[in-house]
Amino acid sequence: MDTAAALSALSALSHDTRLAAFRHLVEAGPGGLAVGELRERLQTPPATLSAHLNVLRAAGLVQDERVGRVIQVRAHYPQMNALLAYLTQNCCAGEGAAAQVCCPPTGETKR
């Protein structure tokens, strides 16, 4: 990830509703959430949520897909991991003290 992409992602996450939406999507895992379910969780009007998702999509942080009549939106983990890697690059003078990046669940159960 280059600096411009990192700035775009950080800017997209700098709004409380967008950050909350992204966190819900990360928590939901690779299946994501239906837009309607995300809207209910955030208590956000449809047009407002659509605008926020457009910003997150432009930054590469979310992807969506139509499944029948439902639009399913999910966190784009490779972009999130690239942002985390960019932010922690050379952390702690390379001593490996930084946490590892997140990966989407692979069917394993949480411990």
PDB file of N, CA and C in Angstrom:
ATOM      1  N   MET A   1       0.855  -1.178   0.000  1.00  0.00           N
ATOM      2  CA  MET A   1       0.000   0.000   0.000  1.00  0.00           C
ATOM      3  C   MET A   1       0.893   1.231   0.000  1.00  0.00           C
ATOM      4  N   ASP A   2       0.515   2.207  -0.804  1.00  0.00           N
ATOM      5  CA  ASP A   2       1.276   3.457  -0.813  1.00  0.00           C
ATOM      6  C   ASP A   2       0.597   4.487   0.093  1.00  0.00           C
ATOM      7  N   THR A   3       1.254   5.611   0.258  1.00  0.00           N
ATOM      8  CA  THR A   3       0.754   6.645   1.168  1.00  0.00           C
ATOM      9  C   THR A   3      -0.617   7.165   0.740  1.00  0.00           C
ATOM     10  N   ALA A   4      -0.821   7.351  -0.557  1.00  0.00           N
ATOM     11  CA  ALA A   4      -2.111   7.867  -1.036  1.00  0.00           C
ATOM     12  C   ALA A   4      -3.255   6.913  -0.690  1.00  0.00           C
ATOM     13  N   ALA A   5      -3.033   5.620  -0.869  1.00  0.00           N
ATOM     14  CA  ALA A   5      -4.071   4.636  -0.547  1.00  0.00           C
ATOM     15  C   ALA A   5      -4.324   4.593   0.960  1.00  0.00           C
ATOM     16  N   ALA A   6      -3.266   4.705   1.750  1.00  0.00           N
ATOM     17  CA  ALA A   6      -3.425   4.722   3.210  1.00  0.00           C
ATOM     18  C   ALA A   6      -4.221   5.944   3.642  1.00  0.00           C
ATOM     19  N   LEU A   7      -3.921   7.094   3.061  1.00  0.00           N
ATOM     20  CA  LEU A   7      -4.661   8.308   3.396  1.00  0.00           C
ATOM     21  C   LEU A   7      -6.131   8.183   3.015  1.00  0.00           C
ATOM     22  N   SER A   8      -6.406   7.577   1.871  1.00  0.00           N
ATOM     23  CA  SER A   8      -7.786   7.374   1.435  1.00  0.00           C
ATOM     24  C   SER A   8      -8.536   6.479   2.422  1.00  0.00           C
ATOM     25  N   ALA A   9      -7.905   5.389   2.835  1.00  0.00           N
ATOM     26  CA  ALA A   9      -8.544   4.468   3.782  1.00  0.00           C
ATOM     27  C   ALA A   9      -8.747   5.125   5.139  1.00  0.00           C
ATOM     28  N   LEU A  10      -7.734   5.813   5.627  1.00  0.00           N
ATOM     29  CA  LEU A  10      -7.859   6.474   6.931  1.00  0.00           C
ATOM     30  C   LEU A  10      -8.912   7.576   6.896  1.00  0.00           C
ATOM     31  N   SER A  11      -8.973   8.295   5.794  1.00  0.00           N
ATOM     32  CA  SER A  11      -9.987   9.337   5.640  1.00  0.00           C
ATOM     33  C   SER A  11     -11.388   8.719   5.642  1.00  0.00           C
ATOM     34  N   ALA A  12     -11.536   7.598   4.954  1.00  0.00           N
ATOM     35  CA  ALA A  12     -12.836   6.926   4.909  1.00  0.00           C
ATOM     36  C   ALA A  12     -13.271   6.465   6.296  1.00  0.00           C
ATOM     37  N   LEU A  13     -12.324   6.068   7.122  1.00  0.00           N
ATOM     38  CA  LEU A  13     -12.639   5.574   8.463  1.00  0.00           C
ATOM     39  C   LEU A  13     -12.746   6.684   9.499  1.00  0.00           C
ATOM     40  N   SER A  14     -12.516   7.926   9.082  1.00  0.00           N
ATOM     41  CA  SER A  14     -12.466   9.029  10.045  1.00  0.00           C
ATOM     42  C   SER A  14     -13.837   9.585  10.442  1.00  0.00           C
ATOM     43  N   HIS A  15     -14.896   8.972   9.974  1.00  0.00           N
ATOM     44  CA  HIS A  15     -16.252   9.384  10.349  1.00  0.00           C
ATOM     45  C   HIS A  15     -16.847   8.304  11.249  1.00  0.00           C
ATOM     46  N   ASP A  16     -17.529   8.712  12.298  1.00  0.00           N
ATOM     47  CA  ASP A  16     -18.006   7.731  13.276  1.00  0.00           C
ATOM     48  C   ASP A  16     -18.943   6.684  12.680  1.00  0.00           C
ATOM     49  N   THR A  17     -19.831   7.071  11.781  1.00  0.00           N
ATOM     50  CA  THR A  17     -20.749   6.102  11.185  1.00  0.00           C
ATOM     51  C   THR A  17     -20.011   5.136  10.273  1.00  0.00           C
ATOM     52  N   ARG A  18     -19.075   5.646   9.470  1.00  0.00           N
ATOM     53  CA  ARG A  18     -18.311   4.759   8.587  1.00  0.00           C
ATOM     54  C   ARG A  18     -17.436   3.802   9.395  1.00  0.00           C
ATOM     55  N   LEU A  19     -16.826   4.302  10.449  1.00  0.00           N
ATOM     56  CA  LEU A  19     -16.002   3.439  11.292  1.00  0.00           C
ATOM     57  C   LEU A  19     -16.863   2.355  11.938  1.00  0.00           C
ATOM     58  N   ALA A  20     -18.026   2.736  12.439  1.00  0.00           N
ATOM     59  CA  ALA A  20     -18.929   1.755  13.049  1.00  0.00           C
ATOM     60  C   ALA A  20     -19.381   0.719  12.018  1.00  0.00           C
ATOM     61  N   ALA A  21     -19.724   1.171  10.819  1.00  0.00           N
ATOM     62  CA  ALA A  21     -20.149   0.246   9.761  1.00  0.00           C
ATOM     63  C   ALA A  21     -19.031  -0.734   9.434  1.00  0.00           C
ATOM     64  N   PHE A  22     -17.827  -0.218   9.283  1.00  0.00           N
ATOM     65  CA  PHE A  22     -16.698  -1.081   8.943  1.00  0.00           C
ATOM     66  C   PHE A  22     -16.437  -2.094  10.061  1.00  0.00           C
ATOM     67  N   ARG A  23     -16.526  -1.658  11.287  1.00  0.00           N
ATOM     68  CA  ARG A  23     -16.297  -2.572  12.416  1.00  0.00           C
ATOM     69  C   ARG A  23     -17.367  -3.667  12.465  1.00  0.00           C
ATOM     70  N   HIS A  24     -18.618  -3.316  12.171  1.00  0.00           N
ATOM     71  CA  HIS A  24     -19.679  -4.330  12.108  1.00  0.00           C
ATOM     72  C   HIS A  24     -19.370  -5.352  11.012  1.00  0.00           C
ATOM     73  N   LEU A  25     -18.884  -4.867   9.876  1.00  0.00           N
ATOM     74  CA  LEU A  25     -18.589  -5.766   8.759  1.00  0.00           C
ATOM     75  C   LEU A  25     -17.399  -6.664   9.065  1.00  0.00           C
ATOM     76  N   VAL A  26     -16.389  -6.127   9.723  1.00  0.00           N
ATOM     77  CA  VAL A  26     -15.239  -6.946  10.119  1.00  0.00           C
ATOM     78  C   VAL A  26     -15.696  -8.025  11.096  1.00  0.00           C
ATOM     79  N   GLU A  27     -16.532  -7.630  12.043  1.00  0.00           N
ATOM     80  CA  GLU A  27     -17.048  -8.577  13.035  1.00  0.00           C
ATOM     81  C   GLU A  27     -17.886  -9.667  12.380  1.00  0.00           C
ATOM     82  N   ALA A  28     -18.614  -9.314  11.328  1.00  0.00           N
ATOM     83  CA  ALA A  28     -19.497 -10.269  10.654  1.00  0.00           C
ATOM     84  C   ALA A  28     -18.726 -11.353   9.914  1.00  0.00           C
ATOM     85  N   GLY A  29     -17.472 -11.100   9.586  1.00  0.00           N
ATOM     86  CA  GLY A  29     -16.673 -12.095   8.877  1.00  0.00           C
ATOM     87  C   GLY A  29     -16.860 -12.009   7.377  1.00  0.00           C
ATOM     88  N   PRO A  30     -16.338 -13.003   6.660  1.00  0.00           N
ATOM     89  CA  PRO A  30     -16.325 -12.932   5.199  1.00  0.00           C
ATOM     90  C   PRO A  30     -17.707 -12.941   4.554  1.00  0.00           C
ATOM     91  N   GLY A  31     -18.726 -13.402   5.265  1.00  0.00           N
ATOM     92  CA  GLY A  31     -20.081 -13.385   4.708  1.00  0.00           C
ATOM     93  C   GLY A  31     -20.689 -12.001   4.676  1.00  0.00           C
ATOM     94  N   GLY A  32     -20.173 -11.109   5.500  1.00  0.00           N
ATOM     95  CA  GLY A  32     -20.677  -9.748   5.553  1.00  0.00           C
ATOM     96  C   GLY A  32     -22.089  -9.669   6.097  1.00  0.00           C
ATOM     97  N   LEU A  33     -22.750  -8.580   5.769  1.00  0.00           N
ATOM     98  CA  LEU A  33     -24.115  -8.331   6.218  1.00  0.00           C
ATOM     99  C   LEU A  33     -24.946  -7.808   5.056  1.00  0.00           C
ATOM    100  N   ALA A  34     -26.231  -8.082   5.107  1.00  0.00           N
ATOM    101  CA  ALA A  34     -27.149  -7.443   4.169  1.00  0.00           C
ATOM    102  C   ALA A  34     -27.178  -5.957   4.502  1.00  0.00           C
ATOM    103  N   VAL A  35     -27.282  -5.122   3.494  1.00  0.00           N
ATOM    104  CA  VAL A  35     -27.292  -3.677   3.719  1.00  0.00           C
ATOM    105  C   VAL A  35     -28.403  -3.298   4.693  1.00  0.00           C
ATOM    106  N   GLY A  36     -29.562  -3.919   4.564  1.00  0.00           N
ATOM    107  CA  GLY A  36     -30.669  -3.623   5.474  1.00  0.00           C
ATOM    108  C   GLY A  36     -30.342  -3.946   6.923  1.00  0.00           C
ATOM    109  N   GLU A  37     -29.654  -5.053   7.141  1.00  0.00           N
ATOM    110  CA  GLU A  37     -29.270  -5.422   8.505  1.00  0.00           C
ATOM    111  C   GLU A  37     -28.245  -4.431   9.060  1.00  0.00           C
ATOM    112  N   LEU A  38     -27.289  -4.037   8.232  1.00  0.00           N
ATOM    113  CA  LEU A  38     -26.299  -3.050   8.660  1.00  0.00           C
ATOM    114  C   LEU A  38     -26.985  -1.725   8.989  1.00  0.00           C
ATOM    115  N   ARG A  39     -27.951  -1.332   8.165  1.00  0.00           N
ATOM    116  CA  ARG A  39     -28.691  -0.089   8.406  1.00  0.00           C
ATOM    117  C   ARG A  39     -29.424  -0.146   9.742  1.00  0.00           C
ATOM    118  N   GLU A  40     -30.039  -1.283  10.034  1.00  0.00           N
ATOM    119  CA  GLU A  40     -30.746  -1.433  11.315  1.00  0.00           C
ATOM    120  C   GLU A  40     -29.786  -1.346  12.494  1.00  0.00           C
ATOM    121  N   ARG A  41     -28.638  -1.980  12.369  1.00  0.00           N
ATOM    122  CA  ARG A  41     -27.661  -1.940  13.461  1.00  0.00           C
ATOM    123  C   ARG A  41     -27.169  -0.522  13.719  1.00  0.00           C
ATOM    124  N   LEU A  42     -27.016   0.245  12.647  1.00  0.00           N
ATOM    125  CA  LEU A  42     -26.485   1.603  12.776  1.00  0.00           C
ATOM    126  C   LEU A  42     -27.573   2.643  13.007  1.00  0.00           C
ATOM    127  N   GLN A  43     -28.846   2.257  12.806  1.00  0.00           N
ATOM    128  CA  GLN A  43     -29.962   3.202  12.922  1.00  0.00           C
ATOM    129  C   GLN A  43     -29.715   4.427  12.034  1.00  0.00           C
ATOM    130  N   THR A  44     -29.387   4.143  10.771  1.00  0.00           N
ATOM    131  CA  THR A  44     -29.036   5.177   9.801  1.00  0.00           C
ATOM    132  C   THR A  44     -30.033   5.144   8.649  1.00  0.00           C
ATOM    133  N   PRO A  45     -30.483   6.293   8.160  1.00  0.00           N
ATOM    134  CA  PRO A  45     -31.373   6.310   6.998  1.00  0.00           C
ATOM    135  C   PRO A  45     -30.695   5.662   5.782  1.00  0.00           C
ATOM    136  N   PRO A  46     -31.475   5.021   4.909  1.00  0.00           N
ATOM    137  CA  PRO A  46     -30.902   4.326   3.751  1.00  0.00           C
ATOM    138  C   PRO A  46     -29.984   5.193   2.888  1.00  0.00           C
ATOM    139  N   ALA A  47     -30.396   6.405   2.573  1.00  0.00           N
ATOM    140  CA  ALA A  47     -29.572   7.265   1.713  1.00  0.00           C
ATOM    141  C   ALA A  47     -28.255   7.630   2.390  1.00  0.00           C
ATOM    142  N   THR A  48     -28.300   7.848   3.693  1.00  0.00           N
ATOM    143  CA  THR A  48     -27.083   8.182   4.438  1.00  0.00           C
ATOM    144  C   THR A  48     -26.127   7.005   4.449  1.00  0.00           C
ATOM    145  N   LEU A  49     -26.657   5.803   4.711  1.00  0.00           N
ATOM    146  CA  LEU A  49     -25.801   4.618   4.716  1.00  0.00           C
ATOM    147  C   LEU A  49     -25.203   4.387   3.335  1.00  0.00           C
ATOM    148  N   SER A  50     -25.999   4.580   2.299  1.00  0.00           N
ATOM    149  CA  SER A  50     -25.500   4.413   0.936  1.00  0.00           C
ATOM    150  C   SER A  50     -24.318   5.341   0.662  1.00  0.00           C
ATOM    151  N   ALA A  51     -24.433   6.588   1.090  1.00  0.00           N
ATOM    152  CA  ALA A  51     -23.335   7.545   0.893  1.00  0.00           C
ATOM    153  C   ALA A  51     -22.089   7.110   1.658  1.00  0.00           C
ATOM    154  N   HIS A  52     -22.272   6.641   2.891  1.00  0.00           N
ATOM    155  CA  HIS A  52     -21.125   6.187   3.685  1.00  0.00           C
ATOM    156  C   HIS A  52     -20.481   4.949   3.061  1.00  0.00           C
ATOM    157  N   LEU A  53     -21.290   4.019   2.576  1.00  0.00           N
ATOM    158  CA  LEU A  53     -20.736   2.826   1.940  1.00  0.00           C
ATOM    159  C   LEU A  53     -19.992   3.174   0.659  1.00  0.00           C
ATOM    160  N   ASN A  54     -20.468   4.186  -0.064  1.00  0.00           N
ATOM    161  CA  ASN A  54     -19.756   4.630  -1.268  1.00  0.00           C
ATOM    162  C   ASN A  54     -18.354   5.121  -0.935  1.00  0.00           C
ATOM    163  N   VAL A  55     -18.205   5.832   0.175  1.00  0.00           N
ATOM    164  CA  VAL A  55     -16.885   6.318   0.596  1.00  0.00           C
ATOM    165  C   VAL A  55     -15.988   5.135   0.958  1.00  0.00           C
ATOM    166  N   LEU A  56     -16.523   4.189   1.724  1.00  0.00           N
ATOM    167  CA  LEU A  56     -15.741   3.009   2.101  1.00  0.00           C
ATOM    168  C   LEU A  56     -15.374   2.172   0.874  1.00  0.00           C
ATOM    169  N   ARG A  57     -16.295   2.061  -0.072  1.00  0.00           N
ATOM    170  CA  ARG A  57     -16.042   1.309  -1.304  1.00  0.00           C
ATOM    171  C   ARG A  57     -14.955   1.983  -2.135  1.00  0.00           C
ATOM    172  N   ALA A  58     -15.005   3.303  -2.245  1.00  0.00           N
ATOM    173  CA  ALA A  58     -13.999   4.038  -3.019  1.00  0.00           C
ATOM    174  C   ALA A  58     -12.603   3.871  -2.424  1.00  0.00           C
ATOM    175  N   ALA A  59     -12.530   3.689  -1.108  1.00  0.00           N
ATOM    176  CA  ALA A  59     -11.243   3.481  -0.438  1.00  0.00           C
ATOM    177  C   ALA A  59     -10.811   2.015  -0.498  1.00  0.00           C
ATOM    178  N   GLY A  60     -11.652   1.165  -1.067  1.00  0.00           N
ATOM    179  CA  GLY A  60     -11.320  -0.249  -1.191  1.00  0.00           C
ATOM    180  C   GLY A  60     -11.532  -1.053   0.073  1.00  0.00           C
ATOM    181  N   LEU A  61     -12.228  -0.485   1.051  1.00  0.00           N
ATOM    182  CA  LEU A  61     -12.397  -1.158   2.340  1.00  0.00           C
ATOM    183  C   LEU A  61     -13.594  -2.099   2.390  1.00  0.00           C
ATOM    184  N   VAL A  62     -14.563  -1.914   1.503  1.00  0.00           N
ATOM    185  CA  VAL A  62     -15.715  -2.811   1.454  1.00  0.00           C
ATOM    186  C   VAL A  62     -16.011  -3.198   0.012  1.00  0.00           C
ATOM    187  N   GLN A  63     -16.675  -4.324  -0.116  1.00  0.00           N
ATOM    188  CA  GLN A  63     -17.157  -4.796  -1.409  1.00  0.00           C
ATOM    189  C   GLN A  63     -18.601  -5.224  -1.211  1.00  0.00           C
ATOM    190  N   ASP A  64     -19.371  -5.170  -2.275  1.00  0.00           N
ATOM    191  CA  ASP A  64     -20.742  -5.643  -2.156  1.00  0.00           C
ATOM    192  C   ASP A  64     -21.107  -6.487  -3.355  1.00  0.00           C
ATOM    193  N   GLU A  65     -22.172  -7.243  -3.167  1.00  0.00           N
ATOM    194  CA  GLU A  65     -22.636  -8.123  -4.229  1.00  0.00           C
ATOM    195  C   GLU A  65     -24.133  -8.325  -4.048  1.00  0.00           C
ATOM    196  N   ARG A  66     -24.824  -8.350  -5.159  1.00  0.00           N
ATOM    197  CA  ARG A  66     -26.262  -8.603  -5.115  1.00  0.00           C
ATOM    198  C   ARG A  66     -26.485 -10.107  -5.045  1.00  0.00           C
ATOM    199  N   VAL A  67     -27.253 -10.513  -4.046  1.00  0.00           N
ATOM    200  CA  VAL A  67     -27.619 -11.917  -3.880  1.00  0.00           C
ATOM    201  C   VAL A  67     -29.139 -11.962  -3.918  1.00  0.00           C
ATOM    202  N   GLY A  68     -29.671 -12.265  -5.086  1.00  0.00           N
ATOM    203  CA  GLY A  68     -31.121 -12.199  -5.264  1.00  0.00           C
ATOM    204  C   GLY A  68     -31.574 -10.751  -5.171  1.00  0.00           C
ATOM    205  N   ARG A  69     -32.447 -10.474  -4.212  1.00  0.00           N
ATOM    206  CA  ARG A  69     -32.945  -9.106  -4.033  1.00  0.00           C
ATOM    207  C   ARG A  69     -32.183  -8.347  -2.959  1.00  0.00           C
ATOM    208  N   VAL A  70     -31.177  -8.980  -2.375  1.00  0.00           N
ATOM    209  CA  VAL A  70     -30.445  -8.400  -1.251  1.00  0.00           C
ATOM    210  C   VAL A  70     -29.037  -8.009  -1.689  1.00  0.00           C
ATOM    211  N   ILE A  71     -28.587  -6.860  -1.216  1.00  0.00           N
ATOM    212  CA  ILE A  71     -27.194  -6.470  -1.441  1.00  0.00           C
ATOM    213  C   ILE A  71     -26.419  -6.822  -0.184  1.00  0.00           C
ATOM    214  N   GLN A  72     -25.445  -7.691  -0.362  1.00  0.00           N
ATOM    215  CA  GLN A  72     -24.595  -8.145   0.732  1.00  0.00           C
ATOM    216  C   GLN A  72     -23.304  -7.325   0.677  1.00  0.00           C
ATOM    217  N   VAL A  73     -22.934  -6.731   1.793  1.00  0.00           N
ATOM    218  CA  VAL A  73     -21.712  -5.920   1.851  1.00  0.00           C
ATOM    219  C   VAL A  73     -20.764  -6.564   2.854  1.00  0.00           C
ATOM    220  N   ARG A  74     -19.483  -6.564   2.501  1.00  0.00           N
ATOM    221  CA  ARG A  74     -18.494  -7.206   3.377  1.00  0.00           C
ATOM    222  C   ARG A  74     -17.213  -6.400   3.418  1.00  0.00           C
ATOM    223  N   ALA A  75     -16.490  -6.557   4.516  1.00  0.00           N
ATOM    224  CA  ALA A  75     -15.180  -5.921   4.636  1.00  0.00           C
ATOM    225  C   ALA A  75     -14.245  -6.555   3.612  1.00  0.00           C
ATOM    226  N   HIS A  76     -13.392  -5.733   3.015  1.00  0.00           N
ATOM    227  CA  HIS A  76     -12.387  -6.238   2.070  1.00  0.00           C
ATOM    228  C   HIS A  76     -11.097  -6.436   2.864  1.00  0.00           C
ATOM    229  N   TYR A  77     -10.922  -7.658   3.378  1.00  0.00           N
ATOM    230  CA  TYR A  77      -9.815  -7.953   4.286  1.00  0.00           C
ATOM    231  C   TYR A  77      -8.431  -7.681   3.697  1.00  0.00           C
ATOM    232  N   PRO A  78      -8.178  -7.965   2.419  1.00  0.00           N
ATOM    233  CA  PRO A  78      -6.840  -7.656   1.898  1.00  0.00           C
ATOM    234  C   PRO A  78      -6.487  -6.170   2.020  1.00  0.00           C
ATOM    235  N   GLN A  79      -7.458  -5.299   1.777  1.00  0.00           N
ATOM    236  CA  GLN A  79      -7.192  -3.860   1.902  1.00  0.00           C
ATOM    237  C   GLN A  79      -6.991  -3.475   3.366  1.00  0.00           C
ATOM    238  N   MET A  80      -7.795  -4.052   4.255  1.00  0.00           N
ATOM    239  CA  MET A  80      -7.631  -3.780   5.676  1.00  0.00           C
ATOM    240  C   MET A  80      -6.252  -4.249   6.145  1.00  0.00           C
ATOM    241  N   ASN A  81      -5.858  -5.448   5.727  1.00  0.00           N
ATOM    242  CA  ASN A  81      -4.553  -5.970   6.114  1.00  0.00           C
ATOM    243  C   ASN A  81      -3.420  -5.129   5.542  1.00  0.00           C
ATOM    244  N   ALA A  82      -3.599  -4.632   4.318  1.00  0.00           N
ATOM    245  CA  ALA A  82      -2.573  -3.772   3.724  1.00  0.00           C
ATOM    246  C   ALA A  82      -2.435  -2.475   4.517  1.00  0.00           C
ATOM    247  N   LEU A  83      -3.556  -1.924   4.977  1.00  0.00           N
ATOM    248  CA  LEU A  83      -3.508  -0.708   5.789  1.00  0.00           C
ATOM    249  C   LEU A  83      -2.795  -0.981   7.111  1.00  0.00           C
ATOM    250  N   LEU A  84      -3.140  -2.083   7.760  1.00  0.00           N
ATOM    251  CA  LEU A  84      -2.479  -2.432   9.019  1.00  0.00           C
ATOM    252  C   LEU A  84      -0.982  -2.648   8.812  1.00  0.00           C
ATOM    253  N   ALA A  85      -0.622  -3.308   7.721  1.00  0.00           N
ATOM    254  CA  ALA A  85       0.796  -3.536   7.433  1.00  0.00           C
ATOM    255  C   ALA A  85       1.510  -2.213   7.188  1.00  0.00           C
ATOM    256  N   TYR A  86       0.851  -1.310   6.466  1.00  0.00           N
ATOM    257  CA  TYR A  86       1.443   0.009   6.204  1.00  0.00           C
ATOM    258  C   TYR A  86       1.677   0.760   7.515  1.00  0.00           C
ATOM    259  N   LEU A  87       0.687   0.717   8.399  1.00  0.00           N
ATOM    260  CA  LEU A  87       0.784   1.446   9.662  1.00  0.00           C
ATOM    261  C   LEU A  87       1.821   0.853  10.610  1.00  0.00           C
ATOM    262  N   THR A  88       2.042  -0.439  10.515  1.00  0.00           N
ATOM    263  CA  THR A  88       2.968  -1.088  11.450  1.00  0.00           C
ATOM    264  C   THR A  88       4.317  -1.427  10.825  1.00  0.00           C
ATOM    265  N   GLN A  89       4.502  -1.019   9.580  1.00  0.00           N
ATOM    266  CA  GLN A  89       5.783  -1.281   8.910  1.00  0.00           C
ATOM    267  C   GLN A  89       6.920  -0.693   9.749  1.00  0.00           C
ATOM    268  N   ASN A  90       7.918  -1.471   9.983  1.00  0.00           N
ATOM    269  CA  ASN A  90       9.090  -1.061  10.772  1.00  0.00           C
ATOM    270  C   ASN A  90       8.729  -0.693  12.206  1.00  0.00           C
ATOM    271  N   CYS A  91       7.630  -1.217  12.701  1.00  0.00           N
ATOM    272  CA  CYS A  91       7.217  -0.936  14.072  1.00  0.00           C
ATOM    273  C   CYS A  91       8.267  -1.429  15.055  1.00  0.00           C
ATOM    274  N   CYS A  92       8.493  -0.645  16.062  1.00  0.00           N
ATOM    275  CA  CYS A  92       9.388  -1.030  17.164  1.00  0.00           C
ATOM    276  C   CYS A  92      10.768  -1.407  16.648  1.00  0.00           C
ATOM    277  N   ALA A  93      11.237  -0.681  15.652  1.00  0.00           N
ATOM    278  CA  ALA A  93      12.562  -0.898  15.056  1.00  0.00           C
ATOM    279  C   ALA A  93      12.737  -2.338  14.576  1.00  0.00           C
ATOM    280  N   GLY A  94      11.648  -2.928  14.084  1.00  0.00           N
ATOM    281  CA  GLY A  94      11.727  -4.275  13.533  1.00  0.00           C
ATOM    282  C   GLY A  94      11.847  -5.378  14.561  1.00  0.00           C
ATOM    283  N   GLU A  95      11.519  -5.110  15.814  1.00  0.00           N
ATOM    284  CA  GLU A  95      11.654  -6.114  16.873  1.00  0.00           C
ATOM    285  C   GLU A  95      10.475  -7.082  16.927  1.00  0.00           C
ATOM    286  N   GLY A  96       9.500  -6.904  16.059  1.00  0.00           N
ATOM    287  CA  GLY A  96       8.375  -7.833  16.015  1.00  0.00           C
ATOM    288  C   GLY A  96       7.393  -7.688  17.161  1.00  0.00           C
ATOM    289  N   ALA A  97       7.324  -6.521  17.769  1.00  0.00           N
ATOM    290  CA  ALA A  97       6.422  -6.318  18.904  1.00  0.00           C
ATOM    291  C   ALA A  97       4.988  -6.046  18.475  1.00  0.00           C
ATOM    292  N   ALA A  98       4.771  -5.729  17.211  1.00  0.00           N
ATOM    293  CA  ALA A  98       3.427  -5.406  16.732  1.00  0.00           C
ATOM    294  C   ALA A  98       2.588  -6.669  16.584  1.00  0.00           C
ATOM    295  N   ALA A  99       1.285  -6.513  16.758  1.00  0.00           N
ATOM    296  CA  ALA A  99       0.365  -7.637  16.576  1.00  0.00           C
ATOM    297  C   ALA A  99       0.306  -8.022  15.106  1.00  0.00           C
ATOM    298  N   GLN A 100       0.008  -9.284  14.839  1.00  0.00           N
ATOM    299  CA  GLN A 100      -0.141  -9.728  13.465  1.00  0.00           C
ATOM    300  C   GLN A 100      -1.430  -9.163  12.891  1.00  0.00           C
ATOM    301  N   VAL A 101      -1.480  -9.062  11.567  1.00  0.00           N
ATOM    302  CA  VAL A 101      -2.672  -8.526  10.919  1.00  0.00           C
ATOM    303  C   VAL A 101      -3.812  -9.536  10.988  1.00  0.00           C
ATOM    304  N   CYS A 102      -5.003  -9.025  10.806  1.00  0.00           N
ATOM    305  CA  CYS A 102      -6.210  -9.845  10.862  1.00  0.00           C
ATOM    306  C   CYS A 102      -6.426 -10.543   9.527  1.00  0.00           C
ATOM    307  N   CYS A 103      -6.917 -11.731   9.580  1.00  0.00           N
ATOM    308  CA  CYS A 103      -7.313 -12.455   8.379  1.00  0.00           C
ATOM    309  C   CYS A 103      -8.767 -12.854   8.555  1.00  0.00           C
ATOM    310  N   PRO A 104      -9.507 -12.965   7.470  1.00  0.00           N
ATOM    311  CA  PRO A 104     -10.894 -13.391   7.626  1.00  0.00           C
ATOM    312  C   PRO A 104     -10.940 -14.813   8.167  1.00  0.00           C
ATOM    313  N   PRO A 105     -11.972 -15.128   8.926  1.00  0.00           N
ATOM    314  CA  PRO A 105     -12.100 -16.482   9.462  1.00  0.00           C
ATOM    315  C   PRO A 105     -12.116 -17.514   8.340  1.00  0.00           C
ATOM    316  N   THR A 106     -11.523 -18.653   8.592  1.00  0.00           N
ATOM    317  CA  THR A 106     -11.472 -19.721   7.590  1.00  0.00           C
ATOM    318  C   THR A 106     -12.301 -20.916   8.030  1.00  0.00           C
ATOM    319  N   GLY A 107     -13.349 -20.653   8.774  1.00  0.00           N
ATOM    320  CA  GLY A 107     -14.201 -21.724   9.250  1.00  0.00           C
ATOM    321  C   GLY A 107     -13.788 -22.255  10.609  1.00  0.00           C
ATOM    322  N   GLU A 108     -12.714 -21.722  11.152  1.00  0.00           N
ATOM    323  CA  GLU A 108     -12.273 -22.151  12.471  1.00  0.00           C
ATOM    324  C   GLU A 108     -13.155 -21.489  13.518  1.00  0.00           C
ATOM    325  N   THR A 109     -13.358 -22.166  14.619  1.00  0.00           N
ATOM    326  CA  THR A 109     -14.154 -21.586  15.694  1.00  0.00           C
ATOM    327  C   THR A 109     -13.284 -20.696  16.553  1.00  0.00           C
ATOM    328  N   LYS A 110     -13.913 -19.692  17.168  1.00  0.00           N
ATOM    329  CA  LYS A 110     -13.184 -18.797  18.061  1.00  0.00           C
ATOM    330  C   LYS A 110     -12.881 -19.522  19.357  1.00  0.00           C
ATOM    331  N   ARG A 111     -11.754 -19.191  19.912  1.00  0.00           N
ATOM    332  CA  ARG A 111     -11.376 -19.804  21.192  1.00  0.00           C
ATOM    333  C   ARG A 111     -11.743 -18.911  22.320  1.00  0.00           C
TER     334      ARG A 111
END
